[in-house]
Amino acid sequence: MKRLLFFLILIFPFTLYGETTMENFKNTPENRWQFFTDQVMGGKSYGKLNFVSENNIKFARMAGNVTTENNGGFIQFRAQLSYKLKDESNGIKLTVRGNNQDYFVHIRTSGSVLPWQYYGKKFLATENWSEVELKFSDFKKSSSFMRKNFKPSSIRTIGIVAYGRDHKAQIDVSEIKLF
């Protein structure tokens, strides 16, 4: 009976909050995440992606320079999902820190046919670790040729993006959860 009670207490928070960890940047994250810049389309932004461990926290760090020169303006790291999300999912929660700048999550779905089509949501990455909750219903489509909303089961990639203006970027992400 004590074991059963201990087990129920242990799993209760996960059941209560309904969160599922998608990424914690352990176990070879470099095999899941890809870094690229606007240079793929002639832009001049540059940067890098490192996987870091600090104070027993593992995280991805994207740093670089974003410039709108030559019609550019982004750096990003992105992962392709190897499984379908449940349509009951309401959004994603990130544990992040940064340089007090705005960043974006870009989601591509099975309906994102062209390279510049995505659903995006802005968030602030402060200097201290914090959780940012982003509801899927708040994401905005990038093209008028896309559906207004998307089903979580249609998500194919999730990207963390520094985008749209000239600035120095540095963002750390230690965890991505579904809620």
N, C-alpha and C. Protein backbone atom coordinates (compact mmCIF):
# COMPACT_ATOMS: atom_id res chain seq x y z
N MET A 1 0.82 -1.19 0.00
CA MET A 1 0.00 0.00 0.00
C MET A 1 0.87 1.26 0.00
N LYS A 2 1.95 1.24 0.79
CA LYS A 2 2.83 2.40 0.84
C LYS A 2 3.47 2.64 -0.52
N ARG A 3 3.83 1.58 -1.20
CA ARG A 3 4.42 1.73 -2.54
C ARG A 3 3.42 2.33 -3.51
N LEU A 4 2.20 1.88 -3.45
CA LEU A 4 1.16 2.42 -4.33
C LEU A 4 0.96 3.91 -4.04
N LEU A 5 0.88 4.27 -2.78
CA LEU A 5 0.71 5.66 -2.41
C LEU A 5 1.89 6.51 -2.88
N PHE A 6 3.10 6.01 -2.68
CA PHE A 6 4.30 6.72 -3.15
C PHE A 6 4.25 6.91 -4.66
N PHE A 7 3.87 5.86 -5.39
CA PHE A 7 3.78 5.93 -6.85
C PHE A 7 2.76 6.98 -7.28
N LEU A 8 1.60 6.98 -6.65
CA LEU A 8 0.56 7.95 -7.00
C LEU A 8 1.01 9.38 -6.71
N ILE A 9 1.69 9.58 -5.59
CA ILE A 9 2.21 10.92 -5.27
C ILE A 9 3.27 11.33 -6.28
N LEU A 10 4.07 10.37 -6.71
CA LEU A 10 5.13 10.66 -7.67
C LEU A 10 4.57 11.07 -9.03
N ILE A 11 3.53 10.39 -9.51
CA ILE A 11 3.01 10.71 -10.84
C ILE A 11 1.94 11.78 -10.83
N PHE A 12 1.40 12.13 -9.67
CA PHE A 12 0.31 13.10 -9.59
C PHE A 12 0.62 14.43 -10.28
N PRO A 13 1.79 15.04 -10.07
CA PRO A 13 2.05 16.32 -10.74
C PRO A 13 2.00 16.21 -12.26
N PHE A 14 2.47 15.10 -12.81
CA PHE A 14 2.45 14.95 -14.26
C PHE A 14 1.03 14.81 -14.77
N THR A 15 0.20 14.14 -14.01
CA THR A 15 -1.19 13.97 -14.38
C THR A 15 -1.94 15.29 -14.20
N LEU A 16 -1.68 15.96 -13.11
CA LEU A 16 -2.37 17.20 -12.80
C LEU A 16 -2.11 18.26 -13.87
N TYR A 17 -0.89 18.43 -14.24
CA TYR A 17 -0.55 19.48 -15.19
C TYR A 17 -0.61 19.02 -16.63
N GLY A 18 -0.66 17.72 -16.87
CA GLY A 18 -0.78 17.20 -18.22
C GLY A 18 0.37 17.60 -19.13
N GLU A 19 1.56 17.69 -18.59
CA GLU A 19 2.71 18.09 -19.40
C GLU A 19 3.52 16.87 -19.82
N THR A 20 4.08 16.96 -21.01
CA THR A 20 4.95 15.91 -21.52
C THR A 20 6.23 16.57 -22.01
N THR A 21 7.37 16.08 -21.57
CA THR A 21 8.65 16.63 -22.02
C THR A 21 8.93 16.17 -23.44
N MET A 22 9.11 17.14 -24.34
CA MET A 22 9.48 16.84 -25.72
C MET A 22 10.99 16.80 -25.89
N GLU A 23 11.67 17.71 -25.19
CA GLU A 23 13.12 17.84 -25.36
C GLU A 23 13.73 18.37 -24.07
N ASN A 24 14.82 17.72 -23.62
CA ASN A 24 15.55 18.20 -22.46
C ASN A 24 17.05 18.34 -22.77
N PHE A 25 17.41 18.21 -24.03
CA PHE A 25 18.77 18.42 -24.54
C PHE A 25 19.79 17.49 -23.90
N LYS A 26 19.34 16.29 -23.56
CA LYS A 26 20.22 15.22 -23.10
C LYS A 26 20.30 14.18 -24.22
N ASN A 27 21.22 13.27 -24.11
CA ASN A 27 21.31 12.14 -25.04
C ASN A 27 21.42 12.57 -26.51
N THR A 28 22.53 13.13 -26.86
CA THR A 28 22.91 13.53 -28.23
C THR A 28 21.87 14.43 -28.93
N PRO A 29 21.59 15.60 -28.38
CA PRO A 29 20.65 16.51 -29.05
C PRO A 29 21.16 16.97 -30.42
N GLU A 30 22.47 16.92 -30.63
CA GLU A 30 23.02 17.34 -31.93
C GLU A 30 22.51 16.45 -33.06
N ASN A 31 22.00 15.28 -32.74
CA ASN A 31 21.41 14.41 -33.76
C ASN A 31 19.97 14.79 -34.09
N ARG A 32 19.35 15.63 -33.26
CA ARG A 32 17.95 16.01 -33.45
C ARG A 32 17.77 17.45 -33.93
N TRP A 33 18.74 18.31 -33.65
CA TRP A 33 18.59 19.74 -33.92
C TRP A 33 19.54 20.18 -35.02
N GLN A 34 19.03 21.02 -35.91
CA GLN A 34 19.80 21.53 -37.04
C GLN A 34 19.83 23.06 -36.95
N PHE A 35 20.99 23.64 -37.16
CA PHE A 35 21.15 25.09 -37.15
C PHE A 35 21.28 25.59 -38.59
N PHE A 36 20.61 26.68 -38.90
CA PHE A 36 20.83 27.33 -40.19
C PHE A 36 20.47 28.80 -40.12
N THR A 37 20.90 29.54 -41.12
CA THR A 37 20.72 30.99 -41.16
C THR A 37 20.08 31.40 -42.48
N ASP A 38 19.86 32.70 -42.60
CA ASP A 38 19.31 33.24 -43.85
C ASP A 38 20.29 33.14 -45.01
N GLN A 39 21.51 32.68 -44.75
CA GLN A 39 22.48 32.50 -45.84
C GLN A 39 21.99 31.49 -46.87
N VAL A 40 21.06 30.61 -46.47
CA VAL A 40 20.50 29.64 -47.43
C VAL A 40 19.73 30.36 -48.54
N MET A 41 19.37 31.64 -48.31
CA MET A 41 18.64 32.42 -49.32
C MET A 41 19.37 33.72 -49.66
N GLY A 42 20.66 33.79 -49.38
CA GLY A 42 21.45 34.96 -49.75
C GLY A 42 21.63 35.99 -48.66
N GLY A 43 21.08 35.76 -47.47
CA GLY A 43 21.23 36.70 -46.36
C GLY A 43 22.64 36.68 -45.79
N LYS A 44 22.88 37.56 -44.81
CA LYS A 44 24.22 37.70 -44.24
C LYS A 44 24.27 37.50 -42.73
N SER A 45 23.21 36.95 -42.15
CA SER A 45 23.23 36.65 -40.72
C SER A 45 24.14 35.46 -40.48
N TYR A 46 24.70 35.39 -39.28
CA TYR A 46 25.57 34.26 -38.95
C TYR A 46 25.43 33.92 -37.47
N GLY A 47 25.85 32.73 -37.11
CA GLY A 47 25.78 32.31 -35.72
C GLY A 47 26.20 30.87 -35.57
N LYS A 48 25.88 30.32 -34.39
CA LYS A 48 26.22 28.92 -34.12
C LYS A 48 25.27 28.37 -33.07
N LEU A 49 25.23 27.06 -33.01
CA LEU A 49 24.45 26.34 -32.02
C LEU A 49 25.38 25.43 -31.26
N ASN A 50 25.37 25.54 -29.93
CA ASN A 50 26.16 24.67 -29.07
C ASN A 50 25.24 24.00 -28.06
N PHE A 51 25.64 22.82 -27.63
CA PHE A 51 24.92 22.12 -26.58
C PHE A 51 25.82 22.15 -25.35
N VAL A 52 25.30 22.74 -24.28
CA VAL A 52 26.09 23.13 -23.12
C VAL A 52 25.54 22.47 -21.86
N SER A 53 26.43 22.23 -20.90
CA SER A 53 26.03 21.77 -19.57
C SER A 53 26.62 22.75 -18.56
N GLU A 54 25.75 23.29 -17.71
CA GLU A 54 26.17 24.29 -16.72
C GLU A 54 25.33 24.10 -15.46
N ASN A 55 25.98 23.91 -14.32
CA ASN A 55 25.27 23.70 -13.04
C ASN A 55 24.24 22.58 -13.14
N ASN A 56 24.64 21.48 -13.76
CA ASN A 56 23.79 20.30 -13.94
C ASN A 56 22.56 20.55 -14.81
N ILE A 57 22.57 21.60 -15.60
CA ILE A 57 21.49 21.87 -16.56
C ILE A 57 22.07 21.74 -17.95
N LYS A 58 21.45 20.92 -18.77
CA LYS A 58 21.86 20.78 -20.17
C LYS A 58 20.93 21.65 -21.01
N PHE A 59 21.52 22.34 -21.99
CA PHE A 59 20.70 23.23 -22.81
C PHE A 59 21.35 23.48 -24.16
N ALA A 60 20.52 23.99 -25.06
CA ALA A 60 21.00 24.44 -26.36
C ALA A 60 21.23 25.94 -26.27
N ARG A 61 22.33 26.40 -26.83
CA ARG A 61 22.63 27.83 -26.89
C ARG A 61 22.81 28.24 -28.35
N MET A 62 21.95 29.15 -28.79
CA MET A 62 22.10 29.72 -30.12
C MET A 62 22.57 31.16 -29.94
N ALA A 63 23.65 31.50 -30.64
CA ALA A 63 24.20 32.85 -30.55
C ALA A 63 24.64 33.29 -31.94
N GLY A 64 24.50 34.58 -32.20
CA GLY A 64 24.94 35.08 -33.48
C GLY A 64 24.50 36.50 -33.73
N ASN A 65 24.63 36.91 -34.97
CA ASN A 65 24.28 38.25 -35.40
C ASN A 65 23.22 38.15 -36.49
N VAL A 66 22.08 38.77 -36.23
CA VAL A 66 20.99 38.79 -37.21
C VAL A 66 21.04 40.12 -37.93
N THR A 67 21.06 40.07 -39.26
CA THR A 67 21.05 41.29 -40.05
C THR A 67 20.02 41.16 -41.17
N THR A 68 19.33 42.26 -41.44
CA THR A 68 18.36 42.27 -42.54
C THR A 68 19.02 42.65 -43.86
N GLU A 69 20.34 42.82 -43.83
CA GLU A 69 21.08 43.14 -45.04
C GLU A 69 20.87 42.05 -46.09
N ASN A 70 20.70 42.47 -47.34
CA ASN A 70 20.52 41.55 -48.47
C ASN A 70 19.26 40.70 -48.32
N ASN A 71 18.19 41.33 -47.79
CA ASN A 71 16.89 40.67 -47.61
C ASN A 71 16.93 39.47 -46.68
N GLY A 72 17.85 39.48 -45.73
CA GLY A 72 17.95 38.39 -44.77
C GLY A 72 17.22 38.73 -43.49
N GLY A 73 17.66 38.11 -42.41
CA GLY A 73 17.11 38.47 -41.12
C GLY A 73 16.75 37.34 -40.20
N PHE A 74 17.47 36.19 -40.23
CA PHE A 74 17.18 35.16 -39.23
C PHE A 74 18.35 34.20 -39.02
N ILE A 75 18.38 33.66 -37.80
CA ILE A 75 19.14 32.45 -37.48
C ILE A 75 18.18 31.58 -36.69
N GLN A 76 18.33 30.27 -36.81
CA GLN A 76 17.41 29.40 -36.09
C GLN A 76 17.99 28.01 -35.89
N PHE A 77 17.44 27.32 -34.89
CA PHE A 77 17.69 25.89 -34.77
C PHE A 77 16.34 25.19 -34.72
N ARG A 78 16.29 24.04 -35.40
CA ARG A 78 15.01 23.39 -35.65
C ARG A 78 15.15 21.88 -35.54
N ALA A 79 14.10 21.26 -35.05
CA ALA A 79 14.05 19.80 -34.96
C ALA A 79 12.83 19.28 -35.71
N GLN A 80 13.02 18.18 -36.37
CA GLN A 80 11.91 17.50 -37.03
C GLN A 80 11.35 16.48 -36.04
N LEU A 81 10.04 16.48 -35.88
CA LEU A 81 9.43 15.53 -34.95
C LEU A 81 9.41 14.15 -35.57
N SER A 82 9.71 13.16 -34.77
CA SER A 82 9.70 11.77 -35.25
C SER A 82 8.41 11.07 -34.87
N TYR A 83 7.46 11.81 -34.33
CA TYR A 83 6.18 11.24 -33.90
C TYR A 83 5.11 12.32 -34.02
N LYS A 84 3.84 11.90 -34.03
CA LYS A 84 2.74 12.85 -34.09
C LYS A 84 2.33 13.26 -32.68
N LEU A 85 2.06 14.55 -32.53
CA LEU A 85 1.55 15.05 -31.26
C LEU A 85 0.05 14.76 -31.17
N LYS A 86 -0.44 14.69 -29.95
CA LYS A 86 -1.87 14.47 -29.75
C LYS A 86 -2.61 15.78 -29.98
N ASP A 87 -3.77 15.70 -30.63
CA ASP A 87 -4.55 16.90 -30.89
C ASP A 87 -5.08 17.56 -29.62
N GLU A 88 -5.04 16.84 -28.50
CA GLU A 88 -5.49 17.41 -27.23
C GLU A 88 -4.45 18.37 -26.64
N SER A 89 -3.26 18.42 -27.20
CA SER A 89 -2.22 19.33 -26.72
C SER A 89 -2.65 20.77 -26.96
N ASN A 90 -2.43 21.63 -25.98
CA ASN A 90 -2.83 23.04 -26.08
C ASN A 90 -1.71 23.98 -26.46
N GLY A 91 -0.45 23.54 -26.25
CA GLY A 91 0.66 24.42 -26.55
C GLY A 91 1.98 23.84 -26.09
N ILE A 92 3.00 24.69 -26.14
CA ILE A 92 4.32 24.27 -25.67
C ILE A 92 4.81 25.23 -24.59
N LYS A 93 5.61 24.68 -23.72
CA LYS A 93 6.22 25.46 -22.64
C LYS A 93 7.73 25.32 -22.78
N LEU A 94 8.41 26.46 -22.85
CA LEU A 94 9.86 26.49 -22.98
C LEU A 94 10.48 26.97 -21.67
N THR A 95 11.62 26.39 -21.33
CA THR A 95 12.44 26.94 -20.25
C THR A 95 13.62 27.61 -20.93
N VAL A 96 13.69 28.94 -20.81
CA VAL A 96 14.65 29.73 -21.60
C VAL A 96 15.33 30.80 -20.75
N ARG A 97 16.44 31.27 -21.27
CA ARG A 97 17.06 32.51 -20.81
C ARG A 97 17.76 33.10 -22.02
N GLY A 98 18.04 34.40 -21.93
CA GLY A 98 18.67 35.03 -23.09
C GLY A 98 19.23 36.39 -22.75
N ASN A 99 19.16 37.27 -23.72
CA ASN A 99 19.74 38.60 -23.58
C ASN A 99 18.66 39.68 -23.61
N ASN A 100 17.52 39.38 -22.99
CA ASN A 100 16.39 40.33 -22.90
C ASN A 100 15.91 40.78 -24.28
N GLN A 101 15.87 39.84 -25.19
CA GLN A 101 15.40 40.11 -26.55
C GLN A 101 14.18 39.23 -26.85
N ASP A 102 13.44 39.64 -27.86
CA ASP A 102 12.33 38.83 -28.35
C ASP A 102 12.85 37.77 -29.31
N TYR A 103 12.30 36.58 -29.18
CA TYR A 103 12.59 35.46 -30.06
C TYR A 103 11.26 34.86 -30.51
N PHE A 104 11.33 33.87 -31.35
CA PHE A 104 10.12 33.26 -31.90
C PHE A 104 10.22 31.75 -31.86
N VAL A 105 9.06 31.12 -31.76
CA VAL A 105 8.94 29.70 -32.08
C VAL A 105 8.25 29.64 -33.43
N HIS A 106 8.84 28.92 -34.36
CA HIS A 106 8.23 28.68 -35.66
C HIS A 106 7.87 27.21 -35.75
N ILE A 107 6.63 26.97 -36.09
CA ILE A 107 6.12 25.60 -36.26
C ILE A 107 5.77 25.41 -37.72
N ARG A 108 6.28 24.32 -38.27
CA ARG A 108 5.89 23.93 -39.63
C ARG A 108 5.01 22.69 -39.51
N THR A 109 3.99 22.65 -40.34
CA THR A 109 3.03 21.55 -40.31
C THR A 109 3.05 20.80 -41.64
N SER A 110 2.24 19.77 -41.71
CA SER A 110 2.12 19.03 -42.97
C SER A 110 1.56 19.93 -44.07
N GLY A 111 0.92 21.04 -43.70
CA GLY A 111 0.40 22.00 -44.67
C GLY A 111 1.38 23.10 -45.03
N SER A 112 2.56 23.12 -44.42
CA SER A 112 3.59 24.12 -44.73
C SER A 112 4.42 23.60 -45.89
N VAL A 113 3.95 23.88 -47.10
CA VAL A 113 4.57 23.31 -48.29
C VAL A 113 5.82 24.10 -48.71
N LEU A 114 5.72 25.41 -48.71
CA LEU A 114 6.83 26.26 -49.15
C LEU A 114 7.77 26.56 -47.98
N PRO A 115 9.05 26.77 -48.26
CA PRO A 115 10.04 26.95 -47.17
C PRO A 115 9.74 28.13 -46.24
N TRP A 116 9.04 29.14 -46.71
CA TRP A 116 8.78 30.32 -45.89
C TRP A 116 7.43 30.25 -45.18
N GLN A 117 6.77 29.11 -45.20
CA GLN A 117 5.48 28.96 -44.53
C GLN A 117 5.66 28.32 -43.16
N TYR A 118 5.11 28.98 -42.15
CA TYR A 118 5.20 28.50 -40.77
C TYR A 118 4.14 29.21 -39.95
N TYR A 119 3.94 28.74 -38.75
CA TYR A 119 3.14 29.42 -37.74
C TYR A 119 4.12 29.93 -36.69
N GLY A 120 4.00 31.20 -36.31
CA GLY A 120 4.98 31.79 -35.40
C GLY A 120 4.36 32.44 -34.19
N LYS A 121 5.14 32.46 -33.11
CA LYS A 121 4.74 33.12 -31.87
C LYS A 121 5.98 33.72 -31.22
N LYS A 122 5.87 35.00 -30.85
CA LYS A 122 6.98 35.72 -30.23
C LYS A 122 6.97 35.50 -28.72
N PHE A 123 8.18 35.52 -28.12
CA PHE A 123 8.32 35.45 -26.67
C PHE A 123 9.59 36.19 -26.27
N LEU A 124 9.66 36.58 -25.01
CA LEU A 124 10.81 37.29 -24.47
C LEU A 124 11.70 36.32 -23.70
N ALA A 125 13.00 36.35 -23.98
CA ALA A 125 13.97 35.55 -23.23
C ALA A 125 14.77 36.50 -22.34
N THR A 126 14.48 36.47 -21.04
CA THR A 126 15.15 37.34 -20.08
C THR A 126 16.50 36.74 -19.67
N GLU A 127 17.26 37.48 -18.88
CA GLU A 127 18.59 37.03 -18.46
C GLU A 127 18.55 35.83 -17.51
N ASN A 128 17.45 35.63 -16.82
CA ASN A 128 17.32 34.52 -15.87
C ASN A 128 16.44 33.43 -16.47
N TRP A 129 16.69 32.20 -16.06
CA TRP A 129 15.86 31.09 -16.53
C TRP A 129 14.41 31.36 -16.17
N SER A 130 13.53 31.16 -17.14
CA SER A 130 12.09 31.32 -16.90
C SER A 130 11.33 30.39 -17.84
N GLU A 131 10.08 30.12 -17.47
CA GLU A 131 9.22 29.31 -18.32
C GLU A 131 8.32 30.22 -19.14
N VAL A 132 8.20 29.90 -20.41
CA VAL A 132 7.36 30.65 -21.33
C VAL A 132 6.33 29.68 -21.88
N GLU A 133 5.06 30.01 -21.70
CA GLU A 133 3.98 29.15 -22.16
C GLU A 133 3.36 29.76 -23.42
N LEU A 134 3.33 28.98 -24.49
CA LEU A 134 2.82 29.45 -25.78
C LEU A 134 1.67 28.55 -26.23
N LYS A 135 0.48 29.10 -26.29
CA LYS A 135 -0.69 28.34 -26.72
C LYS A 135 -0.69 28.23 -28.24
N PHE A 136 -1.00 27.04 -28.74
CA PHE A 136 -1.05 26.85 -30.19
C PHE A 136 -2.05 27.80 -30.84
N SER A 137 -3.14 28.11 -30.15
CA SER A 137 -4.17 28.99 -30.71
C SER A 137 -3.67 30.43 -30.89
N ASP A 138 -2.54 30.80 -30.26
CA ASP A 138 -1.98 32.15 -30.38
C ASP A 138 -0.95 32.28 -31.50
N PHE A 139 -0.57 31.16 -32.12
CA PHE A 139 0.40 31.21 -33.21
C PHE A 139 -0.26 31.83 -34.44
N LYS A 140 0.50 32.64 -35.18
CA LYS A 140 0.01 33.32 -36.38
C LYS A 140 0.64 32.71 -37.62
N LYS A 141 -0.17 32.56 -38.64
CA LYS A 141 0.33 32.01 -39.90
C LYS A 141 1.16 33.06 -40.63
N SER A 142 2.15 32.60 -41.40
CA SER A 142 3.05 33.51 -42.10
C SER A 142 2.58 33.82 -43.52
N SER A 143 1.58 33.11 -43.98
CA SER A 143 1.15 33.25 -45.37
C SER A 143 -0.37 33.19 -45.45
N SER A 144 -0.94 33.98 -46.34
CA SER A 144 -2.39 33.95 -46.50
C SER A 144 -2.87 32.65 -47.13
N PHE A 145 -1.97 31.87 -47.67
CA PHE A 145 -2.33 30.61 -48.30
C PHE A 145 -2.37 29.44 -47.31
N MET A 146 -2.22 29.75 -46.04
CA MET A 146 -2.24 28.71 -45.00
C MET A 146 -3.55 28.77 -44.23
N ARG A 147 -3.90 27.66 -43.62
CA ARG A 147 -5.06 27.64 -42.73
C ARG A 147 -4.81 28.57 -41.55
N LYS A 148 -5.88 29.12 -41.00
CA LYS A 148 -5.74 30.03 -39.87
C LYS A 148 -5.15 29.32 -38.65
N ASN A 149 -5.64 28.12 -38.38
CA ASN A 149 -5.17 27.33 -37.24
C ASN A 149 -4.63 25.99 -37.72
N PHE A 150 -3.96 25.30 -36.84
CA PHE A 150 -3.43 23.98 -37.18
C PHE A 150 -3.76 22.99 -36.07
N LYS A 151 -3.74 21.73 -36.44
CA LYS A 151 -3.91 20.67 -35.45
C LYS A 151 -2.53 20.27 -34.95
N PRO A 152 -2.37 20.08 -33.66
CA PRO A 152 -1.06 19.64 -33.15
C PRO A 152 -0.54 18.38 -33.84
N SER A 153 -1.43 17.49 -34.24
CA SER A 153 -0.98 16.26 -34.90
C SER A 153 -0.36 16.53 -36.27
N SER A 154 -0.55 17.73 -36.81
CA SER A 154 0.03 18.06 -38.12
C SER A 154 1.42 18.69 -38.01
N ILE A 155 1.90 18.96 -36.79
CA ILE A 155 3.22 19.59 -36.60
C ILE A 155 4.32 18.64 -37.06
N ARG A 156 5.22 19.18 -37.89
CA ARG A 156 6.35 18.40 -38.39
C ARG A 156 7.69 18.88 -37.82
N THR A 157 7.83 20.21 -37.64
CA THR A 157 9.07 20.75 -37.08
C THR A 157 8.76 21.87 -36.09
N ILE A 158 9.68 22.04 -35.15
CA ILE A 158 9.63 23.15 -34.20
C ILE A 158 10.99 23.84 -34.24
N GLY A 159 10.97 25.17 -34.41
CA GLY A 159 12.21 25.93 -34.48
C GLY A 159 12.23 27.07 -33.49
N ILE A 160 13.40 27.36 -32.98
CA ILE A 160 13.64 28.53 -32.12
C ILE A 160 14.39 29.53 -32.99
N VAL A 161 13.84 30.75 -33.11
CA VAL A 161 14.30 31.66 -34.16
C VAL A 161 14.58 33.06 -33.60
N ALA A 162 15.71 33.63 -34.03
CA ALA A 162 16.01 35.05 -33.87
C ALA A 162 15.73 35.65 -35.24
N TYR A 163 14.83 36.65 -35.32
CA TYR A 163 14.24 36.97 -36.61
C TYR A 163 13.82 38.43 -36.74
N GLY A 164 13.93 38.94 -37.96
CA GLY A 164 13.21 40.11 -38.38
C GLY A 164 13.80 41.48 -38.15
N ARG A 165 14.93 41.58 -37.49
CA ARG A 165 15.52 42.89 -37.23
C ARG A 165 17.01 42.71 -36.96
N ASP A 166 17.77 43.77 -37.09
CA ASP A 166 19.21 43.72 -36.82
C ASP A 166 19.43 43.65 -35.31
N HIS A 167 20.10 42.58 -34.86
CA HIS A 167 20.40 42.46 -33.43
C HIS A 167 21.36 41.30 -33.17
N LYS A 168 21.99 41.37 -31.99
CA LYS A 168 22.81 40.27 -31.49
C LYS A 168 21.86 39.30 -30.79
N ALA A 169 22.02 38.04 -31.09
CA ALA A 169 21.14 37.03 -30.51
C ALA A 169 21.94 36.11 -29.59
N GLN A 170 21.33 35.78 -28.47
CA GLN A 170 21.83 34.70 -27.62
C GLN A 170 20.65 34.19 -26.82
N ILE A 171 20.31 32.94 -27.05
CA ILE A 171 19.21 32.32 -26.34
C ILE A 171 19.61 30.91 -25.93
N ASP A 172 19.26 30.57 -24.69
CA ASP A 172 19.47 29.22 -24.15
C ASP A 172 18.10 28.59 -23.93
N VAL A 173 17.98 27.33 -24.33
CA VAL A 173 16.73 26.58 -24.12
C VAL A 173 17.09 25.27 -23.44
N SER A 174 16.53 25.04 -22.25
CA SER A 174 16.86 23.81 -21.52
C SER A 174 15.77 22.76 -21.60
N GLU A 175 14.56 23.17 -21.91
CA GLU A 175 13.48 22.18 -21.95
C GLU A 175 12.33 22.68 -22.81
N ILE A 176 11.70 21.75 -23.51
CA ILE A 176 10.49 22.03 -24.28
C ILE A 176 9.47 20.98 -23.87
N LYS A 177 8.31 21.45 -23.42
CA LYS A 177 7.25 20.55 -22.97
C LYS A 177 5.97 20.84 -23.73
N LEU A 178 5.13 19.83 -23.81
CA LEU A 178 3.76 19.99 -24.29
C LEU A 178 2.85 20.17 -23.09
N PHE A 179 1.81 20.97 -23.24
CA PHE A 179 0.80 21.04 -22.18
C PHE A 179 -0.58 20.98 -22.82
